[in-house]
Amino acid sequence: MSEAHATSADPLAGADPLSGHPLFARLSRIGQRVREADRAHPWVLDASVVAVVFLMFCLPDLFPGHREAPREHRIVFVRAPLPTALALQAGLVLPLLWRRRSPTAAFAAIMAVFVLQWSWGVVLRADVALLVALYSLALHGRLRHLAWSSAVMVGAMALVAVEVSGGGLPIGDALFFLVSAAVAAVALGIAVRIRRAQLAGLRERAARLEIERDQRSRLAAATERTRVAREMHDIIGHNLSVIVTLADGGAYAAQASPERGREALQLIGETSRQALGELRRMLGVLRDQGDRAAELNPQPGIADLDGLCARIRAAGPQVVYTVRGDLDRLDRGVQLMAYRIVQEALTNTLRHAGPDTRAHVTLTTDPTRLRVLVRDSGPPGGARRAARPDGEGHGLAGMRERAAVYGGTVTAGPGPGAGWTVEAVLDLTPDPTGGPT
């Protein structure tokens, strides 16, 4: 039971037990602090490496002991004077200060001192600096420089093997040990380089994914704002156009026919309550509290077009509504699209052609498409409707956006005479991916 709980709490524990160990976590934190300090003060780490090499490998040569080596492995070397030893140690160790900024130059300088030292027959523990320089070249330098540097390293190791073979040590064994040390330094540098490249790639990918996530969030927010703006335009724009027309007609008929004025006020009240209800439903959905309101107030469909045409007729225009085909089988989304397109077209008819016009609304469906046609007779007197200066309004753009969801098109333009025609065609072919085409 406890093992199952540990696995569920830490999904990485089963895959990599070391990652959850406290020592590993502590070492990771220490490494992170060292990297942060190195980025802030890069010279400190290089100076620390030089100091460690000096303390561990240079001081023992400056204060040698008196322990005798075994006779069978005794090799005779030249003991350099203290100034010469210090100069050689400085030539081997100090270039490590530039091992990351100029790894090739640092390796070349150390190699030159190394060859000079061994040509004199002098051996120093500070020669380990050559392995550090080779490691740094594999980690920080150019890979094409690493090839010739490795060849030079093998040549230098061969020189050392020849020098030490005089004391009875086989040249093959000496060369194997020295080349193995050089290969280990190169392999370690390349491994660390590959690991750093992988981490850099992961960080870049994480940053790119974060940018893409933010872009998707902004795009989703923009899409939602567009959808809300379109719905608000359809609800408020249509109902306000009807209310304005009824109010103008009621004010005109108030004195001549009080009964007609009272009827206009009643229609204004009904239209306002309907607009308020739709607005409350939308705001409730936006506040994430609209699930219950959406059940009580469903989205309008084709069945509600009769009421829509009745409200437009009450404002003055004569509306003829015709249906061809079985519209009840249509999806609710398609019905909402058709309703909004007819609503916007009739609102534009009322706004631009006035109350003394005649409109024909025709919906035709077949197994593959739905055709919505709204045609009006234009303003009274035969005057043609004026086009907008910018070519089209938000309503026409909204209709086209709605139709595009179902792979449809919307065309609008002057019709016969002084009228205006809006035609929308929605594709009803099922999409193989599961959505509208």
Protein backbone atom coordinates (compact mmCIF):
# COMPACT_ATOMS: atom_id res chain seq x y z
CA MET A 1 0.00 0.00 0.00
CA SER A 2 2.85 2.38 0.85
CA GLU A 3 4.69 1.57 -2.41
CA ALA A 4 1.58 2.33 -4.45
CA HIS A 5 1.15 5.62 -2.64
CA ALA A 6 4.79 6.58 -3.30
CA THR A 7 4.44 5.76 -6.97
CA SER A 8 1.33 7.85 -7.33
CA ALA A 9 2.88 10.75 -5.46
CA ASP A 10 6.05 10.77 -7.53
CA PRO A 11 5.62 9.46 -11.09
CA LEU A 12 9.36 9.85 -11.79
CA ALA A 13 10.46 7.81 -8.81
CA GLY A 14 9.92 4.47 -10.55
CA ALA A 15 11.63 5.59 -13.74
CA ASP A 16 14.70 7.17 -12.10
CA PRO A 17 15.19 6.40 -8.38
CA LEU A 18 18.28 8.66 -8.25
CA SER A 19 16.26 11.76 -9.14
CA GLY A 20 14.29 11.53 -5.91
CA HIS A 21 17.29 10.95 -3.64
CA PRO A 22 18.02 13.85 -1.21
CA LEU A 23 21.74 13.79 -2.05
CA PHE A 24 21.00 14.12 -5.75
CA ALA A 25 18.65 17.03 -5.09
CA ARG A 26 21.26 18.72 -2.89
CA LEU A 27 23.95 18.31 -5.54
CA SER A 28 21.59 19.71 -8.17
CA ARG A 29 20.99 22.80 -6.04
CA ILE A 30 24.71 23.26 -5.50
CA GLY A 31 25.34 22.93 -9.23
CA GLN A 32 22.63 25.48 -9.96
CA ARG A 33 24.21 27.96 -7.53
CA VAL A 34 27.65 27.39 -9.07
CA ARG A 35 26.28 28.04 -12.57
CA GLU A 36 24.56 31.23 -11.42
CA ALA A 37 27.75 32.46 -9.75
CA ASP A 38 29.78 31.55 -12.84
CA ARG A 39 27.45 33.59 -15.07
CA ALA A 40 27.84 36.55 -12.75
CA HIS A 41 31.65 36.22 -12.25
CA PRO A 42 33.14 33.89 -14.92
CA TRP A 43 36.75 34.60 -13.95
CA VAL A 44 36.23 33.23 -10.45
CA LEU A 45 35.70 29.65 -11.62
CA ASP A 46 38.71 29.75 -13.97
CA ALA A 47 40.89 31.17 -11.21
CA SER A 48 39.60 28.47 -8.84
CA VAL A 49 40.59 25.75 -11.31
CA VAL A 50 44.08 27.23 -11.57
CA ALA A 51 44.36 27.45 -7.79
CA VAL A 52 43.26 23.83 -7.30
CA VAL A 53 45.73 22.56 -9.92
CA PHE A 54 48.52 24.58 -8.32
CA LEU A 55 47.81 23.33 -4.80
CA MET A 56 47.35 19.69 -5.80
CA PHE A 57 50.00 19.25 -8.48
CA CYS A 58 52.49 22.14 -8.31
CA LEU A 59 53.31 22.37 -4.61
CA PRO A 60 54.39 18.68 -4.33
CA ASP A 61 56.98 19.29 -7.05
CA LEU A 62 58.30 22.38 -5.25
CA PHE A 63 58.70 20.40 -1.97
CA PRO A 64 59.63 16.88 -3.10
CA GLY A 65 59.86 13.99 -0.66
CA HIS A 66 62.65 11.43 -0.24
CA ARG A 67 60.71 8.20 -0.90
CA GLU A 68 62.64 5.85 -3.19
CA ALA A 69 60.86 4.32 -6.17
CA PRO A 70 61.12 0.54 -6.84
CA ARG A 71 64.34 -0.28 -8.70
CA GLU A 72 62.57 -2.03 -11.58
CA HIS A 73 60.50 1.13 -12.29
CA ARG A 74 63.16 3.71 -11.54
CA ILE A 75 63.38 6.32 -14.31
CA VAL A 76 66.11 8.96 -14.38
CA PHE A 77 64.81 12.50 -15.01
CA VAL A 78 66.48 15.87 -14.85
CA ARG A 79 65.62 17.77 -11.67
CA ALA A 80 64.97 21.34 -12.75
CA PRO A 81 66.06 24.26 -10.57
CA LEU A 82 63.35 26.01 -8.62
CA PRO A 83 63.07 29.06 -10.96
CA THR A 84 62.87 26.77 -14.00
CA ALA A 85 60.27 24.57 -12.31
CA LEU A 86 58.20 27.63 -11.38
CA ALA A 87 58.44 28.95 -14.93
CA LEU A 88 57.37 25.62 -16.41
CA GLN A 89 54.51 25.29 -13.91
CA ALA A 90 53.34 28.80 -14.74
CA GLY A 91 53.43 27.98 -18.46
CA LEU A 92 51.36 24.86 -17.85
CA VAL A 93 48.81 26.23 -15.39
CA LEU A 94 48.23 29.91 -16.15
CA PRO A 95 46.79 29.36 -19.70
CA LEU A 96 43.92 27.55 -17.98
CA LEU A 97 42.54 31.00 -17.16
CA TRP A 98 41.55 31.22 -20.86
CA ARG A 99 40.47 27.58 -21.25
CA ARG A 100 36.83 28.55 -21.89
CA ARG A 101 37.24 31.82 -23.79
CA SER A 102 40.05 30.64 -26.08
CA PRO A 103 40.32 26.87 -25.60
CA THR A 104 42.42 26.26 -28.73
CA ALA A 105 44.98 28.92 -27.82
CA ALA A 106 45.15 27.70 -24.23
CA PHE A 107 45.71 24.11 -25.37
CA ALA A 108 48.41 25.19 -27.85
CA ALA A 109 50.29 27.18 -25.20
CA ILE A 110 50.18 24.35 -22.66
CA MET A 111 51.20 21.82 -25.33
CA ALA A 112 54.20 23.94 -26.28
CA VAL A 113 55.38 24.11 -22.67
CA PHE A 114 54.67 20.38 -22.25
CA VAL A 115 56.81 19.39 -25.25
CA LEU A 116 59.61 21.74 -24.13
CA GLN A 117 59.54 20.30 -20.64
CA TRP A 118 59.72 16.67 -21.79
CA SER A 119 62.41 17.46 -24.36
CA TRP A 120 64.53 18.55 -21.39
CA GLY A 121 63.70 15.36 -19.54
CA VAL A 122 61.81 17.21 -16.80
CA VAL A 123 58.68 15.62 -15.35
CA LEU A 124 56.13 17.67 -13.42
CA ARG A 125 52.81 16.80 -11.83
CA ALA A 126 51.44 20.02 -13.35
CA ASP A 127 51.31 18.15 -16.69
CA VAL A 128 47.74 17.29 -15.70
CA ALA A 129 46.90 20.80 -16.97
CA LEU A 130 47.27 19.41 -20.50
CA LEU A 131 44.39 16.98 -19.86
CA VAL A 132 42.30 19.82 -18.41
CA ALA A 133 43.02 21.91 -21.51
CA LEU A 134 42.08 19.01 -23.80
CA TYR A 135 38.84 18.52 -21.87
CA SER A 136 38.06 22.24 -22.18
CA LEU A 137 38.79 22.16 -25.91
CA ALA A 138 36.34 19.26 -26.37
CA LEU A 139 33.74 21.09 -24.30
CA HIS A 140 34.08 24.70 -25.48
CA GLY A 141 36.18 24.68 -28.64
CA ARG A 142 35.42 24.05 -32.29
CA LEU A 143 35.14 20.41 -33.23
CA ARG A 144 37.41 20.77 -36.25
CA HIS A 145 40.14 22.06 -33.91
CA LEU A 146 39.62 19.01 -31.70
CA ALA A 147 40.69 16.65 -34.49
CA TRP A 148 44.18 18.07 -35.00
CA SER A 149 44.57 18.77 -31.29
CA SER A 150 43.93 15.08 -30.59
CA ALA A 151 46.55 14.13 -33.20
CA VAL A 152 49.07 16.47 -31.58
CA MET A 153 48.14 14.98 -28.19
CA VAL A 154 48.85 11.45 -29.41
CA GLY A 155 52.24 12.61 -30.72
CA ALA A 156 53.08 14.21 -27.38
CA MET A 157 52.00 11.06 -25.52
CA ALA A 158 54.26 9.02 -27.79
CA LEU A 159 57.16 11.31 -26.82
CA VAL A 160 56.42 10.77 -23.15
CA ALA A 161 56.13 7.00 -23.68
CA VAL A 162 59.56 6.93 -25.30
CA GLU A 163 61.04 8.92 -22.40
CA VAL A 164 59.61 6.70 -19.67
CA SER A 165 60.42 3.44 -21.49
CA GLY A 166 64.08 3.81 -20.55
CA GLY A 167 63.35 2.76 -16.98
CA GLY A 168 62.09 -0.68 -17.87
CA LEU A 169 58.44 0.24 -18.46
CA PRO A 170 57.27 -1.17 -21.83
CA ILE A 171 56.58 1.57 -24.33
CA GLY A 172 53.28 -0.06 -25.30
CA ASP A 173 51.99 -0.03 -21.71
CA ALA A 174 53.07 3.56 -21.20
CA LEU A 175 51.49 4.68 -24.46
CA PHE A 176 48.26 2.81 -23.65
CA PHE A 177 47.97 4.47 -20.24
CA LEU A 178 48.72 7.96 -21.55
CA VAL A 179 46.42 7.73 -24.60
CA SER A 180 43.66 6.30 -22.40
CA ALA A 181 43.91 9.34 -20.14
CA ALA A 182 43.69 11.66 -23.16
CA VAL A 183 40.71 9.74 -24.59
CA ALA A 184 38.97 9.94 -21.22
CA ALA A 185 39.45 13.71 -21.15
CA VAL A 186 38.05 14.09 -24.69
CA ALA A 187 35.14 11.73 -24.01
CA LEU A 188 34.21 13.55 -20.83
CA GLY A 189 34.29 16.90 -22.58
CA ILE A 190 32.14 15.68 -25.48
CA ALA A 191 29.66 14.03 -23.09
CA VAL A 192 29.25 17.22 -21.07
CA ARG A 193 28.95 19.21 -24.31
CA ILE A 194 26.19 16.94 -25.62
CA ARG A 195 24.38 17.10 -22.29
CA ARG A 196 24.51 20.89 -22.26
CA ALA A 197 23.27 21.01 -25.84
CA GLN A 198 20.36 18.75 -24.90
CA LEU A 199 19.48 20.93 -21.91
CA ALA A 200 19.71 24.06 -24.06
CA GLY A 201 17.42 22.43 -26.62
CA LEU A 202 14.93 21.49 -23.91
CA ARG A 203 14.99 25.02 -22.50
CA GLU A 204 14.48 26.48 -25.97
CA ARG A 205 11.63 24.07 -26.63
CA ALA A 206 10.03 24.92 -23.29
CA ALA A 207 10.30 28.64 -24.06
CA ARG A 208 8.85 28.07 -27.54
CA LEU A 209 5.97 26.03 -26.10
CA GLU A 210 5.30 28.76 -23.56
CA ILE A 211 5.20 31.36 -26.33
CA GLU A 212 2.87 29.14 -28.38
CA ARG A 213 0.66 28.63 -25.32
CA ASP A 214 0.43 32.37 -24.77
CA GLN A 215 -0.34 32.89 -28.45
CA ARG A 216 -3.07 30.25 -28.33
CA SER A 217 -4.52 31.90 -25.24
CA ARG A 218 -4.53 35.31 -26.92
CA LEU A 219 -6.02 33.83 -30.08
CA ALA A 220 -8.72 32.06 -28.09
CA ALA A 221 -9.48 35.29 -26.22
CA ALA A 222 -9.67 37.23 -29.50
CA THR A 223 -11.94 34.56 -31.00
CA GLU A 224 -14.19 34.67 -27.97
CA ARG A 225 -14.34 38.47 -28.08
CA THR A 226 -15.29 38.29 -31.75
CA ARG A 227 -18.00 35.74 -31.01
CA VAL A 228 -19.42 37.80 -28.16
CA ALA A 229 -19.30 40.97 -30.26
CA ARG A 230 -21.12 39.18 -33.06
CA GLU A 231 -23.82 37.90 -30.71
CA MET A 232 -24.23 41.32 -29.10
CA HIS A 233 -24.50 42.92 -32.52
CA ASP A 234 -27.18 40.43 -33.58
CA ILE A 235 -29.21 40.77 -30.38
CA ILE A 236 -28.96 44.48 -29.64
CA GLY A 237 -28.71 45.76 -33.21
CA HIS A 238 -31.80 43.90 -34.42
CA ASN A 239 -34.01 44.64 -31.44
CA LEU A 240 -33.00 48.29 -31.23
CA SER A 241 -33.77 48.74 -34.93
CA VAL A 242 -37.25 47.30 -34.37
CA ILE A 243 -37.77 49.43 -31.26
CA VAL A 244 -36.67 52.63 -33.01
CA THR A 245 -38.98 51.97 -35.95
CA LEU A 246 -41.92 51.17 -33.65
CA ALA A 247 -41.24 54.25 -31.56
CA ASP A 248 -41.19 56.49 -34.64
CA GLY A 249 -44.39 54.94 -35.96
CA GLY A 250 -46.08 55.11 -32.55
CA ALA A 251 -45.19 58.79 -32.14
CA TYR A 252 -46.65 59.54 -35.58
CA ALA A 253 -49.85 57.57 -34.90
CA ALA A 254 -50.33 58.70 -31.30
CA GLN A 255 -52.46 61.70 -32.24
CA ALA A 256 -54.29 60.30 -35.31
CA SER A 257 -54.92 56.81 -33.91
CA PRO A 258 -54.29 56.37 -30.17
CA GLU A 259 -55.10 52.69 -30.48
CA ARG A 260 -52.22 52.19 -32.96
CA GLY A 261 -49.89 54.13 -30.66
CA ARG A 262 -50.85 51.88 -27.73
CA GLU A 263 -50.20 48.82 -29.88
CA ALA A 264 -46.78 50.17 -30.86
CA LEU A 265 -45.89 50.67 -27.19
CA GLN A 266 -46.90 47.12 -26.39
CA LEU A 267 -44.72 45.80 -29.22
CA ILE A 268 -41.84 47.94 -27.97
CA GLY A 269 -42.23 46.39 -24.52
CA GLU A 270 -42.30 42.83 -25.90
CA THR A 271 -39.27 43.42 -28.10
CA SER A 272 -37.36 45.04 -25.22
CA ARG A 273 -38.15 42.15 -22.87
CA GLN A 274 -37.00 39.65 -25.47
CA ALA A 275 -33.75 41.56 -26.04
CA LEU A 276 -33.20 41.83 -22.30
CA GLY A 277 -33.76 38.10 -21.87
CA GLU A 278 -31.27 37.21 -24.60
CA LEU A 279 -28.76 39.68 -23.18
CA ARG A 280 -29.10 38.21 -19.68
CA ARG A 281 -28.66 34.70 -21.05
CA MET A 282 -25.45 35.67 -22.83
CA LEU A 283 -24.04 37.52 -19.82
CA GLY A 284 -24.89 34.53 -17.64
CA VAL A 285 -22.93 32.23 -19.92
CA LEU A 286 -19.98 34.65 -19.86
CA ARG A 287 -20.02 34.55 -16.05
CA ASP A 288 -19.92 30.72 -16.12
CA GLN A 289 -23.35 30.69 -14.49
CA GLY A 290 -25.40 30.33 -17.62
CA ASP A 291 -25.88 26.54 -17.86
CA ARG A 292 -29.26 26.67 -16.17
CA ALA A 293 -30.25 29.82 -18.05
CA ALA A 294 -29.25 28.18 -21.30
CA GLU A 295 -31.58 25.27 -20.54
CA LEU A 296 -34.44 27.60 -19.75
CA ASN A 297 -33.74 29.91 -22.71
CA PRO A 298 -32.45 27.83 -25.65
CA GLN A 299 -30.76 29.40 -28.63
CA PRO A 300 -33.20 30.45 -31.35
CA GLY A 301 -33.68 28.20 -34.36
CA ILE A 302 -35.62 28.05 -37.59
CA ALA A 303 -38.87 27.53 -35.68
CA ASP A 304 -38.41 31.02 -34.23
CA LEU A 305 -38.26 32.68 -37.64
CA ASP A 306 -42.07 33.06 -37.62
CA GLY A 307 -41.84 35.22 -34.51
CA LEU A 308 -38.94 37.17 -35.99
CA CYS A 309 -40.93 37.92 -39.15
CA ALA A 310 -43.93 38.92 -37.03
CA ARG A 311 -41.86 41.47 -35.12
CA ILE A 312 -40.52 42.92 -38.35
CA ARG A 313 -44.08 43.12 -39.76
CA ALA A 314 -45.16 44.97 -36.61
CA ALA A 315 -42.50 47.59 -37.38
CA GLY A 316 -44.02 48.20 -40.84
CA PRO A 317 -42.39 46.11 -43.57
CA GLN A 318 -44.33 43.38 -45.30
CA VAL A 319 -42.49 40.08 -44.85
CA VAL A 320 -43.25 36.93 -46.81
CA TYR A 321 -41.69 33.82 -45.29
CA THR A 322 -41.35 30.64 -47.37
CA VAL A 323 -39.87 27.27 -46.43
CA ARG A 324 -38.90 24.51 -48.87
CA GLY A 325 -37.73 21.19 -47.57
CA ASP A 326 -37.55 19.50 -44.18
CA LEU A 327 -35.87 22.05 -41.91
CA ASP A 328 -36.62 20.31 -38.62
CA ARG A 329 -33.89 17.71 -39.30
CA LEU A 330 -31.19 20.36 -39.33
CA ASP A 331 -28.63 20.56 -36.59
CA ARG A 332 -29.25 23.17 -33.88
CA GLY A 333 -26.04 24.93 -34.83
CA VAL A 334 -27.12 25.23 -38.45
CA GLN A 335 -30.53 26.50 -37.35
CA LEU A 336 -28.90 29.17 -35.17
CA MET A 337 -26.70 30.25 -38.09
CA ALA A 338 -29.73 30.51 -40.40
CA TYR A 339 -31.71 32.44 -37.79
CA ARG A 340 -28.91 34.97 -37.21
CA ILE A 341 -28.38 35.49 -40.94
CA VAL A 342 -32.09 36.15 -41.53
CA GLN A 343 -32.19 38.37 -38.45
CA GLU A 344 -29.28 40.49 -39.67
CA ALA A 345 -30.66 40.71 -43.22
CA LEU A 346 -34.12 41.84 -42.03
CA THR A 347 -32.54 44.30 -39.59
CA ASN A 348 -30.60 45.86 -42.47
CA THR A 349 -33.79 45.94 -44.54
CA LEU A 350 -35.60 47.78 -41.77
CA ARG A 351 -32.70 50.15 -41.19
CA HIS A 352 -31.92 51.05 -44.81
CA ALA A 353 -35.20 50.50 -46.69
CA GLY A 354 -37.54 51.79 -44.00
CA PRO A 355 -40.93 50.51 -42.83
CA ASP A 356 -42.64 50.85 -46.24
CA THR A 357 -40.82 48.03 -47.97
CA ARG A 358 -41.53 44.43 -48.83
CA ALA A 359 -39.20 41.53 -47.98
CA HIS A 360 -39.15 37.91 -49.10
CA VAL A 361 -37.46 35.32 -46.91
CA THR A 362 -36.92 31.90 -48.48
CA LEU A 363 -35.19 28.90 -46.88
CA THR A 364 -34.46 25.92 -49.14
CA THR A 365 -32.79 22.73 -47.99
CA ASP A 366 -31.63 19.52 -49.61
CA PRO A 367 -29.39 16.69 -48.31
CA THR A 368 -26.17 18.64 -48.94
CA ARG A 369 -26.84 22.34 -48.34
CA LEU A 370 -29.14 24.99 -46.90
CA ARG A 371 -29.87 28.10 -48.96
CA VAL A 372 -31.06 31.28 -47.22
CA LEU A 373 -32.36 34.07 -49.47
CA VAL A 374 -33.58 37.46 -48.20
CA ARG A 375 -34.67 39.98 -50.81
CA ASP A 376 -36.36 43.35 -50.27
CA SER A 377 -37.98 45.85 -52.62
CA GLY A 378 -35.94 48.81 -51.42
CA PRO A 379 -37.03 52.23 -50.09
CA PRO A 380 -40.32 53.70 -51.26
CA GLY A 381 -40.18 55.76 -54.43
CA GLY A 382 -37.63 53.53 -56.14
CA ALA A 383 -34.52 55.15 -54.55
CA ARG A 384 -31.63 52.71 -54.45
CA ARG A 385 -30.06 52.00 -51.06
CA ALA A 386 -26.77 53.76 -50.54
CA ALA A 387 -23.72 51.61 -50.02
CA ARG A 388 -21.54 52.07 -46.96
CA PRO A 389 -18.36 54.10 -47.50
CA ASP A 390 -16.23 51.24 -46.19
CA GLY A 391 -17.87 48.66 -48.41
CA GLU A 392 -19.60 46.57 -45.76
CA GLY A 393 -20.66 46.76 -42.14
CA HIS A 394 -20.06 44.53 -39.16
CA GLY A 395 -23.31 42.70 -39.83
CA LEU A 396 -22.26 41.40 -43.23
CA ALA A 397 -18.85 40.41 -41.87
CA GLY A 398 -20.58 38.59 -39.02
CA MET A 399 -22.83 36.72 -41.46
CA ARG A 400 -19.82 35.62 -43.47
CA GLU A 401 -18.01 34.46 -40.35
CA ARG A 402 -21.03 32.42 -39.29
CA ALA A 403 -21.41 30.85 -42.72
CA ALA A 404 -17.68 30.04 -42.88
CA VAL A 405 -18.07 27.84 -39.79
CA TYR A 406 -20.16 25.49 -41.92
CA GLY A 407 -18.10 25.91 -45.08
CA GLY A 408 -20.67 28.29 -46.51
CA THR A 409 -20.66 31.61 -48.30
CA VAL A 410 -22.65 34.84 -48.06
CA THR A 411 -23.17 37.25 -50.92
CA ALA A 412 -24.93 40.60 -50.64
CA GLY A 413 -25.62 43.28 -53.19
CA PRO A 414 -28.24 45.21 -55.14
CA GLY A 415 -31.16 43.16 -56.39
CA PRO A 416 -33.78 43.80 -59.04
CA GLY A 417 -34.91 47.40 -59.10
CA ALA A 418 -34.03 49.34 -55.97
CA GLY A 419 -33.95 46.31 -53.70
CA TRP A 420 -31.18 44.45 -51.92
CA THR A 421 -30.45 40.73 -51.88
CA VAL A 422 -28.64 38.63 -49.29
CA GLU A 423 -27.96 34.99 -50.10
CA ALA A 424 -26.23 32.48 -47.84
CA VAL A 425 -25.40 28.87 -48.65
CA LEU A 426 -24.45 26.53 -45.77
CA ASP A 427 -22.79 23.17 -46.41
CA LEU A 428 -24.57 20.27 -44.66
CA THR A 429 -22.13 17.56 -45.76
CA PRO A 430 -20.73 15.77 -42.68
CA ASP A 431 -17.06 16.39 -41.99
CA PRO A 432 -15.00 13.16 -41.68
CA THR A 433 -13.14 14.71 -38.72
CA GLY A 434 -16.34 15.09 -36.78
CA GLY A 435 -17.17 18.77 -37.33
CA PRO A 436 -18.83 20.83 -40.04
CA THR A 437 -16.97 21.06 -43.32
